Amino acid sequence: CSMLSNVTIPGSVRSIEGIAFYGCESLSSLHLPASITSINESAFASCSSLHALRIDSSDFTIGSSAFFRVYLKTLYTNMKQVAEDEYIENYFSSSRESLESLTIGSSVEGIGKEAFSGCLLLSNVSLGDGLSSIGNYAFRECTSLVSVDVPGSVRSVGEGAFSQCSSLSNVSLGDGLGSIGNYAFRECTSLVS
C-alpha cells in the first residue's frame, strides 16, 4: 500500500486489526471515528508520512507498536489514556521529536505524569474544557511551547508540569484552579505573563 495517501474509516468500523495499514508510506493523515474500540498491534506502524492524526474515540484499546515509526506533527486526541503516565512514550514514541501541535479533546479528564514530556518541537497546545488535572511533569522540557491557556475546568497543575519550557512566555490560568505543584513553571526563563 505504498501509494495509499488517504483513507476514510467509516463510522461502522469498530476494530482495526494488526498490521492492517503497516508500511503505507504515503498515508499523510488519518481520522479515527468515535466508533473505534480497538487498534491492534502494528496497525499503522511504519506509515512514515502520517503526520496528522485525529482520534475521536475516548474509550478504546491500542495494541503495542500500533503507531511505531510514525512521526506525527499534529495530534487531536480524545483518548482517556492521556491520563496515563508517559502517554506519548507508550502510544506514539516515534512522535516525541516531531509533534508540533496538540489538541486535547473535551472527553479527556486528566493528563498523566510525563504525558508529553520532552516533545521538543511542541509549540501549540489546546486543552479541552473537560480537563480537570495536569499531571506531574506533563509538559516538562517542551522547549518550543510559547503559550498555554489552562481552562477553568482544571483543578490542579502538578509538580514540574511546565518546567524547563524555556520558550514559554504566556500562561493563562483558569478560575477553577485550586492547586499548583512545586516547580510547576521552574526554568521557564521566557515567562513574562
C-alpha atoms as a PDB file:
ATOM      1  CA  CYS A   1       0.000   0.000   0.000  1.00  0.00           C
ATOM      2  CA  SER A   2       2.955   2.324  -0.572  1.00  0.00           C
ATOM      3  CA  MET A   3       0.859   4.620  -2.825  1.00  0.00           C
ATOM      4  CA  LEU A   4      -2.138   4.945  -0.461  1.00  0.00           C
ATOM      5  CA  SER A   5      -2.237   8.595   0.633  1.00  0.00           C
ATOM      6  CA  ASN A   6      -5.743   8.955   2.048  1.00  0.00           C
ATOM      7  CA  VAL A   7      -8.094   6.597   3.851  1.00  0.00           C
ATOM      8  CA  THR A   8     -11.571   7.237   5.229  1.00  0.00           C
ATOM      9  CA  ILE A   9     -12.535   4.996   8.132  1.00  0.00           C
ATOM     10  CA  PRO A  10     -16.349   4.814   8.209  1.00  0.00           C
ATOM     11  CA  GLY A  11     -18.283   5.116  11.470  1.00  0.00           C
ATOM     12  CA  SER A  12     -19.345   1.479  11.175  1.00  0.00           C
ATOM     13  CA  VAL A  13     -15.768   0.230  11.826  1.00  0.00           C
ATOM     14  CA  ARG A  14     -15.161  -0.948  15.402  1.00  0.00           C
ATOM     15  CA  SER A  15     -11.715  -2.538  15.131  1.00  0.00           C
ATOM     16  CA  ILE A  16      -8.576  -2.146  13.041  1.00  0.00           C
ATOM     17  CA  GLU A  17      -6.623  -5.374  13.045  1.00  0.00           C
ATOM     18  CA  GLY A  18      -2.865  -5.806  13.386  1.00  0.00           C
ATOM     19  CA  ILE A  19      -0.668  -4.640  10.502  1.00  0.00           C
ATOM     20  CA  ALA A  20      -3.800  -3.549   8.570  1.00  0.00           C
ATOM     21  CA  PHE A  21      -2.054  -0.456   7.188  1.00  0.00           C
ATOM     22  CA  TYR A  22       1.541  -1.392   8.011  1.00  0.00           C
ATOM     23  CA  GLY A  23       4.062   0.371   5.780  1.00  0.00           C
ATOM     24  CA  CYS A  24       1.609   2.647   3.947  1.00  0.00           C
ATOM     25  CA  GLU A  25       4.402   5.161   3.461  1.00  0.00           C
ATOM     26  CA  SER A  26       2.306   7.753   1.588  1.00  0.00           C
ATOM     27  CA  LEU A  27      -0.547   7.914   4.104  1.00  0.00           C
ATOM     28  CA  SER A  28      -0.400  11.506   5.392  1.00  0.00           C
ATOM     29  CA  SER A  29      -3.446  11.981   7.620  1.00  0.00           C
ATOM     30  CA  LEU A  30      -5.902   9.796   9.465  1.00  0.00           C
ATOM     31  CA  HIS A  31      -9.211  10.359  11.240  1.00  0.00           C
ATOM     32  CA  LEU A  32     -10.282   7.607  13.630  1.00  0.00           C
ATOM     33  CA  PRO A  33     -14.035   7.967  14.330  1.00  0.00           C
ATOM     34  CA  ALA A  34     -15.664   7.561  17.748  1.00  0.00           C
ATOM     35  CA  SER A  35     -16.882   4.088  16.744  1.00  0.00           C
ATOM     36  CA  ILE A  36     -13.377   2.593  17.028  1.00  0.00           C
ATOM     37  CA  THR A  37     -12.985   0.300  20.062  1.00  0.00           C
ATOM     38  CA  SER A  38      -9.588  -1.230  19.272  1.00  0.00           C
ATOM     39  CA  ILE A  39      -6.484  -0.724  17.171  1.00  0.00           C
ATOM     40  CA  ASN A  40      -4.334  -3.797  17.190  1.00  0.00           C
ATOM     41  CA  GLU A  41      -0.594  -4.362  17.128  1.00  0.00           C
ATOM     42  CA  SER A  42       1.371  -2.505  14.429  1.00  0.00           C
ATOM     43  CA  ALA A  43      -1.851  -1.450  12.628  1.00  0.00           C
ATOM     44  CA  PHE A  44      -0.260   1.774  11.348  1.00  0.00           C
ATOM     45  CA  ALA A  45       3.405   1.047  12.037  1.00  0.00           C
ATOM     46  CA  SER A  46       5.927   2.402   9.533  1.00  0.00           C
ATOM     47  CA  CYS A  47       3.459   4.857   7.986  1.00  0.00           C
ATOM     48  CA  SER A  48       6.325   7.324   7.925  1.00  0.00           C
ATOM     49  CA  SER A  49       4.389  10.145   6.173  1.00  0.00           C
ATOM     50  CA  LEU A  50       1.491  10.026   8.636  1.00  0.00           C
ATOM     51  CA  HIS A  51       1.823  13.486  10.172  1.00  0.00           C
ATOM     52  CA  ALA A  52      -1.763  14.306  11.209  1.00  0.00           C
ATOM     53  CA  LEU A  53      -3.932  12.102  13.415  1.00  0.00           C
ATOM     54  CA  ARG A  54      -7.394  12.766  14.836  1.00  0.00           C
ATOM     55  CA  ILE A  55      -8.753  10.322  17.440  1.00  0.00           C
ATOM     56  CA  ASP A  56     -12.407  10.924  18.304  1.00  0.00           C
ATOM     57  CA  SER A  57     -12.911   7.761  20.361  1.00  0.00           C
ATOM     58  CA  SER A  58     -12.390   8.157  24.084  1.00  0.00           C
ATOM     59  CA  ASP A  59     -12.545   4.537  25.161  1.00  0.00           C
ATOM     60  CA  PHE A  60     -10.586   2.018  23.146  1.00  0.00           C
ATOM     61  CA  THR A  61      -7.608  -0.279  23.396  1.00  0.00           C
ATOM     62  CA  ILE A  62      -4.464   0.224  21.408  1.00  0.00           C
ATOM     63  CA  GLY A  63      -2.002  -2.559  20.644  1.00  0.00           C
ATOM     64  CA  SER A  64       1.737  -2.376  21.053  1.00  0.00           C
ATOM     65  CA  SER A  65       3.627  -0.572  18.313  1.00  0.00           C
ATOM     66  CA  ALA A  66       0.349   0.451  16.628  1.00  0.00           C
ATOM     67  CA  PHE A  67       1.989   3.719  15.563  1.00  0.00           C
ATOM     68  CA  PHE A  68       5.661   2.676  15.630  1.00  0.00           C
ATOM     69  CA  ARG A  69       7.794   4.715  13.220  1.00  0.00           C
ATOM     70  CA  VAL A  70       5.003   7.250  12.770  1.00  0.00           C
ATOM     71  CA  TYR A  71       6.218  10.832  13.099  1.00  0.00           C
ATOM     72  CA  LEU A  72       3.139  12.888  13.969  1.00  0.00           C
ATOM     73  CA  LYS A  73       3.243  16.662  13.712  1.00  0.00           C
ATOM     74  CA  THR A  74      -0.413  17.216  14.637  1.00  0.00           C
ATOM     75  CA  LEU A  75      -2.448  15.197  17.139  1.00  0.00           C
ATOM     76  CA  TYR A  76      -6.057  15.647  18.235  1.00  0.00           C
ATOM     77  CA  THR A  77      -6.954  13.113  20.902  1.00  0.00           C
ATOM     78  CA  ASN A  78      -9.965  12.232  22.993  1.00  0.00           C
ATOM     79  CA  MET A  79      -8.315   9.066  24.366  1.00  0.00           C
ATOM     80  CA  LYS A  80      -8.876   8.554  28.076  1.00  0.00           C
ATOM     81  CA  GLN A  81      -5.352   7.062  28.095  1.00  0.00           C
ATOM     82  CA  VAL A  82      -3.964  10.610  28.088  1.00  0.00           C
ATOM     83  CA  ALA A  83      -4.438  10.333  31.866  1.00  0.00           C
ATOM     84  CA  GLU A  84      -1.892   7.503  31.971  1.00  0.00           C
ATOM     85  CA  ASP A  85       1.763   8.115  32.763  1.00  0.00           C
ATOM     86  CA  GLU A  86       4.059   8.685  29.774  1.00  0.00           C
ATOM     87  CA  TYR A  87       1.252   8.773  27.181  1.00  0.00           C
ATOM     88  CA  ILE A  88       3.382   9.884  24.221  1.00  0.00           C
ATOM     89  CA  GLU A  89       6.069   7.298  25.045  1.00  0.00           C
ATOM     90  CA  ASN A  90       3.581   4.443  25.360  1.00  0.00           C
ATOM     91  CA  TYR A  91       1.478   5.100  22.257  1.00  0.00           C
ATOM     92  CA  PHE A  92       3.399   7.419  19.914  1.00  0.00           C
ATOM     93  CA  SER A  93       7.064   7.085  20.932  1.00  0.00           C
ATOM     94  CA  SER A  94       8.397   7.967  17.486  1.00  0.00           C
ATOM     95  CA  SER A  95       6.487  11.278  17.635  1.00  0.00           C
ATOM     96  CA  ARG A  96       8.273  12.665  20.691  1.00  0.00           C
ATOM     97  CA  GLU A  97      10.725  14.508  18.440  1.00  0.00           C
ATOM     98  CA  SER A  98       8.241  15.550  15.703  1.00  0.00           C
ATOM     99  CA  LEU A  99       4.995  16.602  17.436  1.00  0.00           C
ATOM    100  CA  GLU A 100       4.284  20.318  16.880  1.00  0.00           C
ATOM    101  CA  SER A 101       0.573  20.732  17.631  1.00  0.00           C
ATOM    102  CA  LEU A 102      -1.613  19.033  20.233  1.00  0.00           C
ATOM    103  CA  THR A 103      -5.337  19.326  20.897  1.00  0.00           C
ATOM    104  CA  ILE A 104      -6.794  17.555  23.929  1.00  0.00           C
ATOM    105  CA  GLY A 105     -10.492  16.861  23.330  1.00  0.00           C
ATOM    106  CA  SER A 106     -13.270  17.636  25.798  1.00  0.00           C
ATOM    107  CA  SER A 107     -13.686  13.965  26.799  1.00  0.00           C
ATOM    108  CA  VAL A 108     -10.217  13.865  28.383  1.00  0.00           C
ATOM    109  CA  GLU A 109     -10.365  14.463  32.156  1.00  0.00           C
ATOM    110  CA  GLY A 110      -6.697  14.263  33.061  1.00  0.00           C
ATOM    111  CA  ILE A 111      -3.206  14.455  31.601  1.00  0.00           C
ATOM    112  CA  GLY A 112      -0.864  11.913  33.194  1.00  0.00           C
ATOM    113  CA  LYS A 113       2.633  12.160  34.587  1.00  0.00           C
ATOM    114  CA  GLU A 114       5.191  12.962  31.872  1.00  0.00           C
ATOM    115  CA  ALA A 115       2.466  12.525  29.236  1.00  0.00           C
ATOM    116  CA  PHE A 116       4.132  14.864  26.722  1.00  0.00           C
ATOM    117  CA  SER A 117       7.454  15.445  28.451  1.00  0.00           C
ATOM    118  CA  GLY A 118      10.352  16.105  26.095  1.00  0.00           C
ATOM    119  CA  CYS A 119       8.300  16.926  22.989  1.00  0.00           C
ATOM    120  CA  LEU A 120      10.883  19.461  21.882  1.00  0.00           C
ATOM    121  CA  LEU A 121       9.001  20.820  18.836  1.00  0.00           C
ATOM    122  CA  LEU A 122       5.593  21.081  20.524  1.00  0.00           C
ATOM    123  CA  SER A 123       4.643  24.737  20.094  1.00  0.00           C
ATOM    124  CA  ASN A 124       0.837  24.707  20.072  1.00  0.00           C
ATOM    125  CA  VAL A 125      -1.288  23.130  22.830  1.00  0.00           C
ATOM    126  CA  SER A 126      -5.058  23.408  23.134  1.00  0.00           C
ATOM    127  CA  LEU A 127      -6.624  21.939  26.271  1.00  0.00           C
ATOM    128  CA  GLY A 128     -10.272  20.796  26.306  1.00  0.00           C
ATOM    129  CA  ASP A 129     -12.912  22.078  28.706  1.00  0.00           C
ATOM    130  CA  GLY A 130     -13.418  18.635  30.280  1.00  0.00           C
ATOM    131  CA  LEU A 131      -9.881  18.589  31.676  1.00  0.00           C
ATOM    132  CA  SER A 132      -9.608  18.611  35.486  1.00  0.00           C
ATOM    133  CA  SER A 133      -5.917  17.850  36.133  1.00  0.00           C
ATOM    134  CA  ILE A 134      -2.490  18.215  34.563  1.00  0.00           C
ATOM    135  CA  GLY A 135      -0.081  15.661  35.987  1.00  0.00           C
ATOM    136  CA  ASN A 136       3.466  15.964  37.271  1.00  0.00           C
ATOM    137  CA  TYR A 137       5.973  16.904  34.561  1.00  0.00           C
ATOM    138  CA  ALA A 138       3.236  16.532  31.894  1.00  0.00           C
ATOM    139  CA  PHE A 139       4.844  19.089  29.555  1.00  0.00           C
ATOM    140  CA  ARG A 140       8.353  19.285  31.033  1.00  0.00           C
ATOM    141  CA  GLU A 141      11.031  20.287  28.571  1.00  0.00           C
ATOM    142  CA  CYS A 142       8.658  21.194  25.735  1.00  0.00           C
ATOM    143  CA  THR A 143      11.153  23.850  24.749  1.00  0.00           C
ATOM    144  CA  SER A 144       9.164  25.232  21.768  1.00  0.00           C
ATOM    145  CA  LEU A 145       5.945  25.814  23.712  1.00  0.00           C
ATOM    146  CA  VAL A 146       5.247  29.579  23.742  1.00  0.00           C
ATOM    147  CA  SER A 147       1.857  29.925  25.434  1.00  0.00           C
ATOM    148  CA  VAL A 148      -0.773  27.831  27.172  1.00  0.00           C
ATOM    149  CA  ASP A 149      -4.341  28.527  28.265  1.00  0.00           C
ATOM    150  CA  VAL A 150      -5.338  26.342  31.205  1.00  0.00           C
ATOM    151  CA  PRO A 151      -9.162  26.096  31.108  1.00  0.00           C
ATOM    152  CA  GLY A 152     -11.352  26.884  34.120  1.00  0.00           C
ATOM    153  CA  SER A 153     -12.232  23.196  34.488  1.00  0.00           C
ATOM    154  CA  VAL A 154      -8.654  22.381  35.608  1.00  0.00           C
ATOM    155  CA  ARG A 155      -8.433  21.995  39.395  1.00  0.00           C
ATOM    156  CA  SER A 156      -4.749  21.082  39.716  1.00  0.00           C
ATOM    157  CA  VAL A 157      -1.466  21.558  37.881  1.00  0.00           C
ATOM    158  CA  GLY A 158       1.105  19.019  39.032  1.00  0.00           C
ATOM    159  CA  GLU A 159       4.689  19.327  40.148  1.00  0.00           C
ATOM    160  CA  GLY A 160       7.001  20.488  37.357  1.00  0.00           C
ATOM    161  CA  ALA A 161       4.115  20.330  34.856  1.00  0.00           C
ATOM    162  CA  PHE A 162       5.620  23.016  32.594  1.00  0.00           C
ATOM    163  CA  SER A 163       9.152  23.085  33.979  1.00  0.00           C
ATOM    164  CA  GLN A 164      12.037  23.704  31.584  1.00  0.00           C
ATOM    165  CA  CYS A 165       9.719  25.086  28.881  1.00  0.00           C
ATOM    166  CA  SER A 166      12.303  27.702  28.014  1.00  0.00           C
ATOM    167  CA  SER A 167      10.203  29.448  25.300  1.00  0.00           C
ATOM    168  CA  LEU A 168       7.034  29.632  27.397  1.00  0.00           C
ATOM    169  CA  SER A 169       6.231  33.335  27.686  1.00  0.00           C
ATOM    170  CA  ASN A 170       2.480  33.473  28.376  1.00  0.00           C
ATOM    171  CA  VAL A 171       0.315  31.345  30.686  1.00  0.00           C
ATOM    172  CA  SER A 172      -3.372  31.909  31.325  1.00  0.00           C
ATOM    173  CA  LEU A 173      -4.715  30.095  34.391  1.00  0.00           C
ATOM    174  CA  GLY A 174      -8.452  29.396  34.668  1.00  0.00           C
ATOM    175  CA  ASP A 175     -10.619  30.438  37.626  1.00  0.00           C
ATOM    176  CA  GLY A 176     -11.236  26.863  38.804  1.00  0.00           C
ATOM    177  CA  LEU A 177      -7.587  26.184  39.669  1.00  0.00           C
ATOM    178  CA  GLY A 178      -7.162  25.049  43.292  1.00  0.00           C
ATOM    179  CA  SER A 179      -3.509  23.981  43.401  1.00  0.00           C
ATOM    180  CA  ILE A 180      -0.255  24.476  41.529  1.00  0.00           C
ATOM    181  CA  GLY A 181       2.500  21.965  42.290  1.00  0.00           C
ATOM    182  CA  ASN A 182       6.094  22.649  43.256  1.00  0.00           C
ATOM    183  CA  TYR A 183       8.312  23.791  40.401  1.00  0.00           C
ATOM    184  CA  ALA A 184       5.322  23.863  38.007  1.00  0.00           C
ATOM    185  CA  PHE A 185       6.981  26.637  35.973  1.00  0.00           C
ATOM    186  CA  ARG A 186      10.597  26.155  37.026  1.00  0.00           C
ATOM    187  CA  GLU A 187      13.192  27.294  34.499  1.00  0.00           C
ATOM    188  CA  CYS A 188      10.596  28.913  32.243  1.00  0.00           C
ATOM    189  CA  THR A 189      13.117  31.637  31.515  1.00  0.00           C
ATOM    190  CA  SER A 190      10.930  33.475  28.941  1.00  0.00           C
ATOM    191  CA  LEU A 191       7.806  33.681  31.119  1.00  0.00           C
ATOM    192  CA  VAL A 192       6.509  37.267  31.306  1.00  0.00           C
ATOM    193  CA  SER A 193       2.762  36.863  31.974  1.00  0.00           C
END
